[in-house]
PDB file of N, CA and C in Angstrom:
ATOM      1  N   MET A   1     128.603  96.529 113.623  1.00  0.00           N
ATOM      2  CA  MET A   1     128.114  95.207 113.287  1.00  0.00           C
ATOM      3  C   MET A   1     126.608  95.263 113.077  1.00  0.00           C
ATOM      4  N   ALA A   2     126.136  94.605 112.058  1.00  0.00           N
ATOM      5  CA  ALA A   2     124.701  94.562 111.776  1.00  0.00           C
ATOM      6  C   ALA A   2     124.004  93.699 112.814  1.00  0.00           C
ATOM      7  N   SER A   3     122.696  93.886 112.918  1.00  0.00           N
ATOM      8  CA  SER A   3     121.951  93.063 113.861  1.00  0.00           C
ATOM      9  C   SER A   3     121.897  91.624 113.362  1.00  0.00           C
ATOM     10  N   VAL A   4     121.740  90.726 114.304  1.00  0.00           N
ATOM     11  CA  VAL A   4     121.686  89.299 113.981  1.00  0.00           C
ATOM     12  C   VAL A   4     120.412  89.017 113.198  1.00  0.00           C
ATOM     13  N   ILE A   5     120.545  88.256 112.140  1.00  0.00           N
ATOM     14  CA  ILE A   5     119.388  87.856 111.347  1.00  0.00           C
ATOM     15  C   ILE A   5     118.622  86.795 112.127  1.00  0.00           C
ATOM     16  N   GLU A   6     117.328  86.991 112.265  1.00  0.00           N
ATOM     17  CA  GLU A   6     116.483  86.021 112.956  1.00  0.00           C
ATOM     18  C   GLU A   6     115.881  85.069 111.931  1.00  0.00           C
ATOM     19  N   VAL A   7     116.196  83.810 112.057  1.00  0.00           N
ATOM     20  CA  VAL A   7     115.620  82.765 111.211  1.00  0.00           C
ATOM     21  C   VAL A   7     115.108  81.695 112.167  1.00  0.00           C
ATOM     22  N   SER A   8     113.831  81.402 112.087  1.00  0.00           N
ATOM     23  CA  SER A   8     113.249  80.411 112.998  1.00  0.00           C
ATOM     24  C   SER A   8     113.907  79.054 112.785  1.00  0.00           C
ATOM     25  N   ARG A   9     113.823  78.233 113.790  1.00  0.00           N
ATOM     26  CA  ARG A   9     114.402  76.897 113.676  1.00  0.00           C
ATOM     27  C   ARG A   9     113.752  76.130 112.520  1.00  0.00           C
ATOM     28  N   GLN A  10     112.423  76.255 112.397  1.00  0.00           N
ATOM     29  CA  GLN A  10     111.717  75.554 111.320  1.00  0.00           C
ATOM     30  C   GLN A  10     112.220  76.014 109.957  1.00  0.00           C
ATOM     31  N   ARG A  11     112.338  77.321 109.762  1.00  0.00           N
ATOM     32  CA  ARG A  11     112.825  77.857 108.486  1.00  0.00           C
ATOM     33  C   ARG A  11     114.259  77.419 108.233  1.00  0.00           C
ATOM     34  N   PHE A  12     115.071  77.437 109.276  1.00  0.00           N
ATOM     35  CA  PHE A  12     116.470  77.038 109.144  1.00  0.00           C
ATOM     36  C   PHE A  12     116.564  75.568 108.737  1.00  0.00           C
ATOM     37  N   GLU A  13     115.736  74.718 109.339  1.00  0.00           N
ATOM     38  CA  GLU A  13     115.716  73.302 108.971  1.00  0.00           C
ATOM     39  C   GLU A  13     115.303  73.126 107.511  1.00  0.00           C
ATOM     40  N   GLU A  14     114.366  73.967 107.046  1.00  0.00           N
ATOM     41  CA  GLU A  14     113.972  73.941 105.638  1.00  0.00           C
ATOM     42  C   GLU A  14     115.157  74.310 104.748  1.00  0.00           C
ATOM     43  N   LEU A  15     115.932  75.310 105.168  1.00  0.00           N
ATOM     44  CA  LEU A  15     117.099  75.723 104.385  1.00  0.00           C
ATOM     45  C   LEU A  15     118.134  74.608 104.310  1.00  0.00           C
ATOM     46  N   VAL A  16     118.317  73.888 105.407  1.00  0.00           N
ATOM     47  CA  VAL A  16     119.246  72.759 105.405  1.00  0.00           C
ATOM     48  C   VAL A  16     118.746  71.680 104.447  1.00  0.00           C
ATOM     49  N   ALA A  17     117.448  71.378 104.507  1.00  0.00           N
ATOM     50  CA  ALA A  17     116.871  70.373 103.599  1.00  0.00           C
ATOM     51  C   ALA A  17     117.028  70.805 102.146  1.00  0.00           C
ATOM     52  N   GLU A  18     116.792  72.093 101.874  1.00  0.00           N
ATOM     53  CA  GLU A  18     116.947  72.604 100.509  1.00  0.00           C
ATOM     54  C   GLU A  18     118.399  72.499 100.053  1.00  0.00           C
ATOM     55  N   ALA A  19     119.344  72.770 100.965  1.00  0.00           N
ATOM     56  CA  ALA A  19     120.761  72.657 100.621  1.00  0.00           C
ATOM     57  C   ALA A  19     121.109  71.209 100.298  1.00  0.00           C
ATOM     58  N   LEU A  20     120.583  70.274 101.074  1.00  0.00           N
ATOM     59  CA  LEU A  20     120.825  68.853 100.790  1.00  0.00           C
ATOM     60  C   LEU A  20     120.258  68.468  99.428  1.00  0.00           C
ATOM     61  N   ASP A  21     119.120  69.067  99.071  1.00  0.00           N
ATOM     62  CA  ASP A  21     118.497  68.779  97.776  1.00  0.00           C
ATOM     63  C   ASP A  21     119.333  69.258  96.594  1.00  0.00           C
ATOM     64  N   THR A  22     120.285  70.177  96.826  1.00  0.00           N
ATOM     65  CA  THR A  22     121.123  70.672  95.727  1.00  0.00           C
ATOM     66  C   THR A  22     122.295  69.739  95.440  1.00  0.00           C
ATOM     67  N   ILE A  23     122.521  68.769  96.313  1.00  0.00           N
ATOM     68  CA  ILE A  23     123.616  67.816  96.109  1.00  0.00           C
ATOM     69  C   ILE A  23     123.175  66.812  95.042  1.00  0.00           C
ATOM     70  N   PRO A  24     124.026  66.532  94.073  1.00  0.00           N
ATOM     71  CA  PRO A  24     123.645  65.595  93.008  1.00  0.00           C
ATOM     72  C   PRO A  24     123.168  64.248  93.568  1.00  0.00           C
ATOM     73  N   THR A  25     122.149  63.696  92.923  1.00  0.00           N
ATOM     74  CA  THR A  25     121.530  62.449  93.364  1.00  0.00           C
ATOM     75  C   THR A  25     122.539  61.318  93.503  1.00  0.00           C
ATOM     76  N   ASP A  26     123.492  61.222  92.597  1.00  0.00           N
ATOM     77  CA  ASP A  26     124.502  60.160  92.683  1.00  0.00           C
ATOM     78  C   ASP A  26     125.263  60.228  94.007  1.00  0.00           C
ATOM     79  N   LEU A  27     125.529  61.448  94.461  1.00  0.00           N
ATOM     80  CA  LEU A  27     126.243  61.603  95.731  1.00  0.00           C
ATOM     81  C   LEU A  27     125.345  61.308  96.921  1.00  0.00           C
ATOM     82  N   THR A  28     124.104  61.787  96.897  1.00  0.00           N
ATOM     83  CA  THR A  28     123.226  61.519  98.039  1.00  0.00           C
ATOM     84  C   THR A  28     122.928  60.027  98.157  1.00  0.00           C
ATOM     85  N   ARG A  29     122.858  59.330  97.033  1.00  0.00           N
ATOM     86  CA  ARG A  29     122.668  57.872  97.080  1.00  0.00           C
ATOM     87  C   ARG A  29     123.874  57.182  97.718  1.00  0.00           C
ATOM     88  N   ALA A  30     125.051  57.760  97.547  1.00  0.00           N
ATOM     89  CA  ALA A  30     126.269  57.172  98.104  1.00  0.00           C
ATOM     90  C   ALA A  30     126.438  57.462  99.593  1.00  0.00           C
ATOM     91  N   MET A  31     125.737  58.460 100.102  1.00  0.00           N
ATOM     92  CA  MET A  31     125.829  58.770 101.525  1.00  0.00           C
ATOM     93  C   MET A  31     125.274  57.583 102.310  1.00  0.00           C
ATOM     94  N   SER A  32     125.961  57.238 103.386  1.00  0.00           N
ATOM     95  CA  SER A  32     125.581  56.042 104.114  1.00  0.00           C
ATOM     96  C   SER A  32     125.736  56.242 105.616  1.00  0.00           C
ATOM     97  N   ASN A  33     124.692  55.866 106.344  1.00  0.00           N
ATOM     98  CA  ASN A  33     124.717  55.872 107.800  1.00  0.00           C
ATOM     99  C   ASN A  33     125.142  57.237 108.351  1.00  0.00           C
ATOM    100  N   VAL A  34     124.455  58.268 107.897  1.00  0.00           N
ATOM    101  CA  VAL A  34     124.746  59.629 108.354  1.00  0.00           C
ATOM    102  C   VAL A  34     123.435  60.363 108.586  1.00  0.00           C
ATOM    103  N   VAL A  35     123.391  61.150 109.644  1.00  0.00           N
ATOM    104  CA  VAL A  35     122.224  61.960 109.949  1.00  0.00           C
ATOM    105  C   VAL A  35     122.650  63.428 109.960  1.00  0.00           C
ATOM    106  N   VAL A  36     121.799  64.278 109.401  1.00  0.00           N
ATOM    107  CA  VAL A  36     122.065  65.717 109.371  1.00  0.00           C
ATOM    108  C   VAL A  36     121.075  66.382 110.319  1.00  0.00           C
ATOM    109  N   THR A  37     121.597  67.152 111.274  1.00  0.00           N
ATOM    110  CA  THR A  37     120.739  67.801 112.262  1.00  0.00           C
ATOM    111  C   THR A  37     121.070  69.280 112.377  1.00  0.00           C
ATOM    112  N   VAL A  38     120.075  70.029 112.822  1.00  0.00           N
ATOM    113  CA  VAL A  38     120.269  71.441 113.143  1.00  0.00           C
ATOM    114  C   VAL A  38     120.429  71.551 114.652  1.00  0.00           C
ATOM    115  N   VAL A  39     121.465  72.265 115.056  1.00  0.00           N
ATOM    116  CA  VAL A  39     121.733  72.513 116.471  1.00  0.00           C
ATOM    117  C   VAL A  39     121.818  74.029 116.618  1.00  0.00           C
ATOM    118  N   ASP A  40     121.221  74.567 117.664  1.00  0.00           N
ATOM    119  CA  ASP A  40     121.209  76.018 117.815  1.00  0.00           C
ATOM    120  C   ASP A  40     122.604  76.603 118.018  1.00  0.00           C
ATOM    121  N   ASP A  41     123.383  76.040 118.937  1.00  0.00           N
ATOM    122  CA  ASP A  41     124.674  76.626 119.286  1.00  0.00           C
ATOM    123  C   ASP A  41     125.810  75.634 119.063  1.00  0.00           C
ATOM    124  N   ALA A  42     126.925  76.165 118.613  1.00  0.00           N
ATOM    125  CA  ALA A  42     128.108  75.341 118.353  1.00  0.00           C
ATOM    126  C   ALA A  42     128.831  75.032 119.666  1.00  0.00           C
ATOM    127  N   PRO A  43     129.542  73.905 119.724  1.00  0.00           N
ATOM    128  CA  PRO A  43     130.277  73.555 120.936  1.00  0.00           C
ATOM    129  C   PRO A  43     131.541  74.399 121.140  1.00  0.00           C
ATOM    130  N   GLU A  44     131.960  75.107 120.092  1.00  0.00           N
ATOM    131  CA  GLU A  44     133.122  75.986 120.206  1.00  0.00           C
ATOM    132  C   GLU A  44     132.953  77.175 119.261  1.00  0.00           C
ATOM    133  N   PRO A  45     133.632  78.280 119.549  1.00  0.00           N
ATOM    134  CA  PRO A  45     133.479  79.488 118.721  1.00  0.00           C
ATOM    135  C   PRO A  45     133.916  79.258 117.274  1.00  0.00           C
ATOM    136  N   ASP A  46     133.337  80.047 116.387  1.00  0.00           N
ATOM    137  CA  ASP A  46     133.704  80.071 114.969  1.00  0.00           C
ATOM    138  C   ASP A  46     133.389  78.787 114.222  1.00  0.00           C
ATOM    139  N   LEU A  47     132.511  77.962 114.758  1.00  0.00           N
ATOM    140  CA  LEU A  47     132.142  76.716 114.105  1.00  0.00           C
ATOM    141  C   LEU A  47     130.737  76.860 113.537  1.00  0.00           C
ATOM    142  N   LEU A  48     130.581  76.614 112.235  1.00  0.00           N
ATOM    143  CA  LEU A  48     129.271  76.725 111.585  1.00  0.00           C
ATOM    144  C   LEU A  48     128.633  75.358 111.367  1.00  0.00           C
ATOM    145  N   GLY A  49     129.478  74.337 111.291  1.00  0.00           N
ATOM    146  CA  GLY A  49     129.002  72.973 111.114  1.00  0.00           C
ATOM    147  C   GLY A  49     130.083  72.021 111.569  1.00  0.00           C
ATOM    148  N   LEU A  50     129.683  70.757 111.786  1.00  0.00           N
ATOM    149  CA  LEU A  50     130.654  69.777 112.248  1.00  0.00           C
ATOM    150  C   LEU A  50     130.250  68.388 111.777  1.00  0.00           C
ATOM    151  N   TYR A  51     131.209  67.685 111.206  1.00  0.00           N
ATOM    152  CA  TYR A  51     131.018  66.281 110.827  1.00  0.00           C
ATOM    153  C   TYR A  51     131.723  65.428 111.868  1.00  0.00           C
ATOM    154  N   THR A  52     131.009  64.456 112.407  1.00  0.00           N
ATOM    155  CA  THR A  52     131.585  63.517 113.357  1.00  0.00           C
ATOM    156  C   THR A  52     131.270  62.114 112.881  1.00  0.00           C
ATOM    157  N   GLY A  53     132.294  61.325 112.665  1.00  0.00           N
ATOM    158  CA  GLY A  53     132.060  59.955 112.231  1.00  0.00           C
ATOM    159  C   GLY A  53     133.256  59.380 111.514  1.00  0.00           C
ATOM    160  N   VAL A  54     132.982  58.340 110.748  1.00  0.00           N
ATOM    161  CA  VAL A  54     134.018  57.658 109.968  1.00  0.00           C
ATOM    162  C   VAL A  54     133.714  57.921 108.497  1.00  0.00           C
ATOM    163  N   PRO A  55     134.563  58.704 107.818  1.00  0.00           N
ATOM    164  CA  PRO A  55     134.320  58.997 106.407  1.00  0.00           C
ATOM    165  C   PRO A  55     134.191  57.727 105.574  1.00  0.00           C
ATOM    166  N   LEU A  56     133.417  57.813 104.512  1.00  0.00           N
ATOM    167  CA  LEU A  56     133.208  56.660 103.633  1.00  0.00           C
ATOM    168  C   LEU A  56     134.525  56.053 103.159  1.00  0.00           C
ATOM    169  N   THR A  57     135.516  56.897 102.931  1.00  0.00           N
ATOM    170  CA  THR A  57     136.803  56.429 102.414  1.00  0.00           C
ATOM    171  C   THR A  57     137.611  55.650 103.443  1.00  0.00           C
ATOM    172  N   GLU A  58     137.218  55.715 104.712  1.00  0.00           N
ATOM    173  CA  GLU A  58     137.971  55.033 105.766  1.00  0.00           C
ATOM    174  C   GLU A  58     137.235  53.815 106.322  1.00  0.00           C
ATOM    175  N   ARG A  59     136.053  53.545 105.810  1.00  0.00           N
ATOM    176  CA  ARG A  59     135.280  52.412 106.320  1.00  0.00           C
ATOM    177  C   ARG A  59     135.786  51.123 105.697  1.00  0.00           C
ATOM    178  N   GLY A  60     135.884  50.106 106.524  1.00  0.00           N
ATOM    179  CA  GLY A  60     136.337  48.806 106.043  1.00  0.00           C
ATOM    180  C   GLY A  60     135.374  47.724 106.476  1.00  0.00           C
ATOM    181  N   ASP A  61     135.843  46.499 106.418  1.00  0.00           N
ATOM    182  CA  ASP A  61     135.011  45.361 106.805  1.00  0.00           C
ATOM    183  C   ASP A  61     134.568  45.457 108.260  1.00  0.00           C
ATOM    184  N   TRP A  62     135.352  46.100 109.079  1.00  0.00           N
ATOM    185  CA  TRP A  62     135.042  46.252 110.503  1.00  0.00           C
ATOM    186  C   TRP A  62     133.841  47.161 110.741  1.00  0.00           C
ATOM    187  N   TYR A  63     133.464  47.952 109.732  1.00  0.00           N
ATOM    188  CA  TYR A  63     132.423  48.965 109.900  1.00  0.00           C
ATOM    189  C   TYR A  63     131.042  48.334 109.742  1.00  0.00           C
ATOM    190  N   SER A  64     130.399  48.054 110.870  1.00  0.00           N
ATOM    191  CA  SER A  64     129.013  47.585 110.844  1.00  0.00           C
ATOM    192  C   SER A  64     128.410  47.789 112.227  1.00  0.00           C
ATOM    193  N   ALA A  65     127.115  47.903 112.252  1.00  0.00           N
ATOM    194  CA  ALA A  65     126.384  48.070 113.516  1.00  0.00           C
ATOM    195  C   ALA A  65     126.948  49.206 114.366  1.00  0.00           C
ATOM    196  N   VAL A  66     127.225  50.328 113.725  1.00  0.00           N
ATOM    197  CA  VAL A  66     127.707  51.499 114.464  1.00  0.00           C
ATOM    198  C   VAL A  66     126.657  52.601 114.382  1.00  0.00           C
ATOM    199  N   LEU A  67     126.705  53.492 115.338  1.00  0.00           N
ATOM    200  CA  LEU A  67     125.795  54.624 115.321  1.00  0.00           C
ATOM    201  C   LEU A  67     126.049  55.454 114.075  1.00  0.00           C
ATOM    202  N   PRO A  68     125.030  56.139 113.586  1.00  0.00           N
ATOM    203  CA  PRO A  68     125.232  56.958 112.382  1.00  0.00           C
ATOM    204  C   PRO A  68     126.241  58.084 112.608  1.00  0.00           C
ATOM    205  N   ASP A  69     126.957  58.418 111.541  1.00  0.00           N
ATOM    206  CA  ASP A  69     127.755  59.639 111.549  1.00  0.00           C
ATOM    207  C   ASP A  69     126.795  60.801 111.740  1.00  0.00           C
ATOM    208  N   ARG A  70     127.336  61.934 112.201  1.00  0.00           N
ATOM    209  CA  ARG A  70     126.495  63.120 112.421  1.00  0.00           C
ATOM    210  C   ARG A  70     127.072  64.312 111.674  1.00  0.00           C
ATOM    211  N   ILE A  71     126.184  65.015 111.020  1.00  0.00           N
ATOM    212  CA  ILE A  71     126.515  66.332 110.491  1.00  0.00           C
ATOM    213  C   ILE A  71     125.620  67.296 111.244  1.00  0.00           C
ATOM    214  N   GLU A  72     126.239  68.203 111.985  1.00  0.00           N
ATOM    215  CA  GLU A  72     125.496  69.224 112.708  1.00  0.00           C
ATOM    216  C   GLU A  72     125.708  70.564 112.018  1.00  0.00           C
ATOM    217  N   ILE A  73     124.602  71.274 111.808  1.00  0.00           N
ATOM    218  CA  ILE A  73     124.646  72.610 111.225  1.00  0.00           C
ATOM    219  C   ILE A  73     124.177  73.569 112.321  1.00  0.00           C
ATOM    220  N   TYR A  74     124.984  74.566 112.640  1.00  0.00           N
ATOM    221  CA  TYR A  74     124.744  75.429 113.800  1.00  0.00           C
ATOM    222  C   TYR A  74     124.004  76.708 113.404  1.00  0.00           C
ATOM    223  N   ARG A  75     122.758  76.786 113.843  1.00  0.00           N
ATOM    224  CA  ARG A  75     121.857  77.876 113.443  1.00  0.00           C
ATOM    225  C   ARG A  75     122.319  79.248 113.935  1.00  0.00           C
ATOM    226  N   ASN A  76     122.547  79.411 115.221  1.00  0.00           N
ATOM    227  CA  ASN A  76     122.874  80.742 115.738  1.00  0.00           C
ATOM    228  C   ASN A  76     124.189  81.299 115.186  1.00  0.00           C
ATOM    229  N   PRO A  77     125.270  80.513 115.141  1.00  0.00           N
ATOM    230  CA  PRO A  77     126.507  81.063 114.562  1.00  0.00           C
ATOM    231  C   PRO A  77     126.354  81.484 113.105  1.00  0.00           C
ATOM    232  N   ILE A  78     125.594  80.718 112.324  1.00  0.00           N
ATOM    233  CA  ILE A  78     125.387  81.112 110.929  1.00  0.00           C
ATOM    234  C   ILE A  78     124.590  82.410 110.871  1.00  0.00           C
ATOM    235  N   CYS A  79     123.528  82.499 111.639  1.00  0.00           N
ATOM    236  CA  CYS A  79     122.717  83.727 111.626  1.00  0.00           C
ATOM    237  C   CYS A  79     123.524  84.939 112.092  1.00  0.00           C
ATOM    238  N   GLU A  80     124.449  84.721 113.026  1.00  0.00           N
ATOM    239  CA  GLU A  80     125.249  85.822 113.569  1.00  0.00           C
ATOM    240  C   GLU A  80     126.198  86.430 112.544  1.00  0.00           C
ATOM    241  N   ILE A  81     126.642  85.649 111.562  1.00  0.00           N
ATOM    242  CA  ILE A  81     127.604  86.197 110.591  1.00  0.00           C
ATOM    243  C   ILE A  81     126.939  86.702 109.314  1.00  0.00           C
ATOM    244  N   CYS A  82     125.611  86.595 109.242  1.00  0.00           N
ATOM    245  CA  CYS A  82     124.902  86.960 108.018  1.00  0.00           C
ATOM    246  C   CYS A  82     124.164  88.292 108.171  1.00  0.00           C
ATOM    247  N   ASP A  83     124.045  88.999 107.045  1.00  0.00           N
ATOM    248  CA  ASP A  83     123.381  90.300 107.034  1.00  0.00           C
ATOM    249  C   ASP A  83     121.983  90.257 106.434  1.00  0.00           C
ATOM    250  N   SER A  84     121.616  89.124 105.829  1.00  0.00           N
ATOM    251  CA  SER A  84     120.292  89.012 105.217  1.00  0.00           C
ATOM    252  C   SER A  84     119.887  87.543 105.184  1.00  0.00           C
ATOM    253  N   GLU A  85     118.613  87.286 104.905  1.00  0.00           N
ATOM    254  CA  GLU A  85     118.190  85.894 104.792  1.00  0.00           C
ATOM    255  C   GLU A  85     118.888  85.216 103.612  1.00  0.00           C
ATOM    256  N   GLN A  86     119.139  85.957 102.541  1.00  0.00           N
ATOM    257  CA  GLN A  86     119.859  85.357 101.411  1.00  0.00           C
ATOM    258  C   GLN A  86     121.255  84.933 101.828  1.00  0.00           C
ATOM    259  N   ASP A  87     121.913  85.738 102.670  1.00  0.00           N
ATOM    260  CA  ASP A  87     123.228  85.343 103.191  1.00  0.00           C
ATOM    261  C   ASP A  87     123.120  84.039 103.985  1.00  0.00           C
ATOM    262  N   VAL A  88     122.048  83.903 104.774  1.00  0.00           N
ATOM    263  CA  VAL A  88     121.840  82.681 105.557  1.00  0.00           C
ATOM    264  C   VAL A  88     121.659  81.500 104.607  1.00  0.00           C
ATOM    265  N   ILE A  89     120.839  81.669 103.581  1.00  0.00           N
ATOM    266  CA  ILE A  89     120.618  80.605 102.592  1.00  0.00           C
ATOM    267  C   ILE A  89     121.946  80.177 101.978  1.00  0.00           C
ATOM    268  N   ASP A  90     122.758  81.150 101.567  1.00  0.00           N
ATOM    269  CA  ASP A  90     124.046  80.855 100.941  1.00  0.00           C
ATOM    270  C   ASP A  90     124.991  80.162 101.916  1.00  0.00           C
ATOM    271  N   GLU A  91     125.058  80.650 103.144  1.00  0.00           N
ATOM    272  CA  GLU A  91     125.975  80.082 104.142  1.00  0.00           C
ATOM    273  C   GLU A  91     125.554  78.674 104.548  1.00  0.00           C
ATOM    274  N   VAL A  92     124.248  78.452 104.669  1.00  0.00           N
ATOM    275  CA  VAL A  92     123.763  77.107 104.989  1.00  0.00           C
ATOM    276  C   VAL A  92     124.196  76.145 103.891  1.00  0.00           C
ATOM    277  N   ARG A  93     124.019  76.523 102.645  1.00  0.00           N
ATOM    278  CA  ARG A  93     124.393  75.641 101.527  1.00  0.00           C
ATOM    279  C   ARG A  93     125.891  75.336 101.557  1.00  0.00           C
ATOM    280  N   ILE A  94     126.695  76.364 101.735  1.00  0.00           N
ATOM    281  CA  ILE A  94     128.150  76.177 101.791  1.00  0.00           C
ATOM    282  C   ILE A  94     128.520  75.241 102.943  1.00  0.00           C
ATOM    283  N   THR A  95     127.921  75.462 104.103  1.00  0.00           N
ATOM    284  CA  THR A  95     128.250  74.664 105.286  1.00  0.00           C
ATOM    285  C   THR A  95     127.800  73.219 105.116  1.00  0.00           C
ATOM    286  N   VAL A  96     126.588  73.014 104.603  1.00  0.00           N
ATOM    287  CA  VAL A  96     126.089  71.651 104.384  1.00  0.00           C
ATOM    288  C   VAL A  96     127.001  70.910 103.413  1.00  0.00           C
ATOM    289  N   ILE A  97     127.333  71.527 102.298  1.00  0.00           N
ATOM    290  CA  ILE A  97     128.178  70.870 101.298  1.00  0.00           C
ATOM    291  C   ILE A  97     129.571  70.594 101.869  1.00  0.00           C
ATOM    292  N   HIS A  98     130.095  71.531 102.640  1.00  0.00           N
ATOM    293  CA  HIS A  98     131.402  71.351 103.279  1.00  0.00           C
ATOM    294  C   HIS A  98     131.393  70.116 104.190  1.00  0.00           C
ATOM    295  N   GLU A  99     130.374  70.007 105.036  1.00  0.00           N
ATOM    296  CA  GLU A  99     130.313  68.883 105.976  1.00  0.00           C
ATOM    297  C   GLU A  99     130.026  67.563 105.263  1.00  0.00           C
ATOM    298  N   VAL A 100     129.211  67.576 104.225  1.00  0.00           N
ATOM    299  CA  VAL A 100     128.985  66.364 103.430  1.00  0.00           C
ATOM    300  C   VAL A 100     130.299  65.950 102.770  1.00  0.00           C
ATOM    301  N   GLY A 101     131.082  66.918 102.353  1.00  0.00           N
ATOM    302  CA  GLY A 101     132.401  66.614 101.787  1.00  0.00           C
ATOM    303  C   GLY A 101     133.254  65.823 102.770  1.00  0.00           C
ATOM    304  N   HIS A 102     133.208  66.188 104.052  1.00  0.00           N
ATOM    305  CA  HIS A 102     133.949  65.430 105.069  1.00  0.00           C
ATOM    306  C   HIS A 102     133.441  63.989 105.154  1.00  0.00           C
ATOM    307  N   HIS A 103     132.140  63.795 105.008  1.00  0.00           N
ATOM    308  CA  HIS A 103     131.562  62.449 105.019  1.00  0.00           C
ATOM    309  C   HIS A 103     132.167  61.605 103.887  1.00  0.00           C
ATOM    310  N   PHE A 104     132.494  62.260 102.779  1.00  0.00           N
ATOM    311  CA  PHE A 104     133.112  61.571 101.643  1.00  0.00           C
ATOM    312  C   PHE A 104     134.635  61.511 101.759  1.00  0.00           C
ATOM    313  N   GLY A 105     135.171  61.971 102.890  1.00  0.00           N
ATOM    314  CA  GLY A 105     136.604  61.860 103.121  1.00  0.00           C
ATOM    315  C   GLY A 105     137.436  62.999 102.586  1.00  0.00           C
ATOM    316  N   ILE A 106     136.805  64.108 102.235  1.00  0.00           N
ATOM    317  CA  ILE A 106     137.537  65.268 101.698  1.00  0.00           C
ATOM    318  C   ILE A 106     137.938  66.159 102.875  1.00  0.00           C
ATOM    319  N   ASP A 107     139.225  66.495 102.973  1.00  0.00           N
ATOM    320  CA  ASP A 107     139.693  67.302 104.104  1.00  0.00           C
ATOM    321  C   ASP A 107     139.461  68.801 103.862  1.00  0.00           C
ATOM    322  N   ASP A 108     139.652  69.575 104.930  1.00  0.00           N
ATOM    323  CA  ASP A 108     139.406  71.019 104.862  1.00  0.00           C
ATOM    324  C   ASP A 108     140.208  71.701 103.761  1.00  0.00           C
ATOM    325  N   ALA A 109     141.482  71.357 103.634  1.00  0.00           N
ATOM    326  CA  ALA A 109     142.328  72.017 102.631  1.00  0.00           C
ATOM    327  C   ALA A 109     141.748  71.821 101.227  1.00  0.00           C
ATOM    328  N   ARG A 110     141.360  70.605 100.912  1.00  0.00           N
ATOM    329  CA  ARG A 110     140.806  70.335  99.573  1.00  0.00           C
ATOM    330  C   ARG A 110     139.453  71.016  99.404  1.00  0.00           C
ATOM    331  N   LEU A 111     138.630  70.997 100.435  1.00  0.00           N
ATOM    332  CA  LEU A 111     137.328  71.678 100.344  1.00  0.00           C
ATOM    333  C   LEU A 111     137.497  73.169 100.063  1.00  0.00           C
ATOM    334  N   HIS A 112     138.485  73.774 100.740  1.00  0.00           N
ATOM    335  CA  HIS A 112     138.733  75.202 100.508  1.00  0.00           C
ATOM    336  C   HIS A 112     139.254  75.447  99.096  1.00  0.00           C
ATOM    337  N   GLU A 113     140.087  74.536  98.579  1.00  0.00           N
ATOM    338  CA  GLU A 113     140.544  74.640  97.192  1.00  0.00           C
ATOM    339  C   GLU A 113     139.371  74.605  96.228  1.00  0.00           C
ATOM    340  N   LEU A 114     138.357  73.781  96.565  1.00  0.00           N
ATOM    341  CA  LEU A 114     137.190  73.640  95.726  1.00  0.00           C
ATOM    342  C   LEU A 114     136.162  74.755  95.925  1.00  0.00           C
ATOM    343  N   GLY A 115     136.429  75.648  96.866  1.00  0.00           N
ATOM    344  CA  GLY A 115     135.531  76.779  97.116  1.00  0.00           C
ATOM    345  C   GLY A 115     134.481  76.528  98.184  1.00  0.00           C
ATOM    346  N   TRP A 116     134.625  75.454  98.939  1.00  0.00           N
ATOM    347  CA  TRP A 116     133.672  75.140  99.997  1.00  0.00           C
ATOM    348  C   TRP A 116     134.306  75.276 101.355  1.00  0.00           C
TER     349      TRP A 116
END
């Protein structure tokens, strides 16, 4: 196994921001009441990111005055599976887009069909 790639938290947060910037403007404008954060360690093994909340497709009239949905991107697990900084950049983008997809109500099976 290769050594773990070291990416500072600041650099990793920049990579997450850059990944968000690659999402088309029409989609980012549609995102609602969601916060994206970097967390060092995942709550369970093999998790690179996690969406927690109510997808846009499931929100109804009852949805108001609720805490923001959360997208967490896990720095250490991503760095552990990557062999270079470019791998980290690529994995961050894939993970961010995957979790944003959940915010839009797209399930894992469909995301994998789409290559995310």
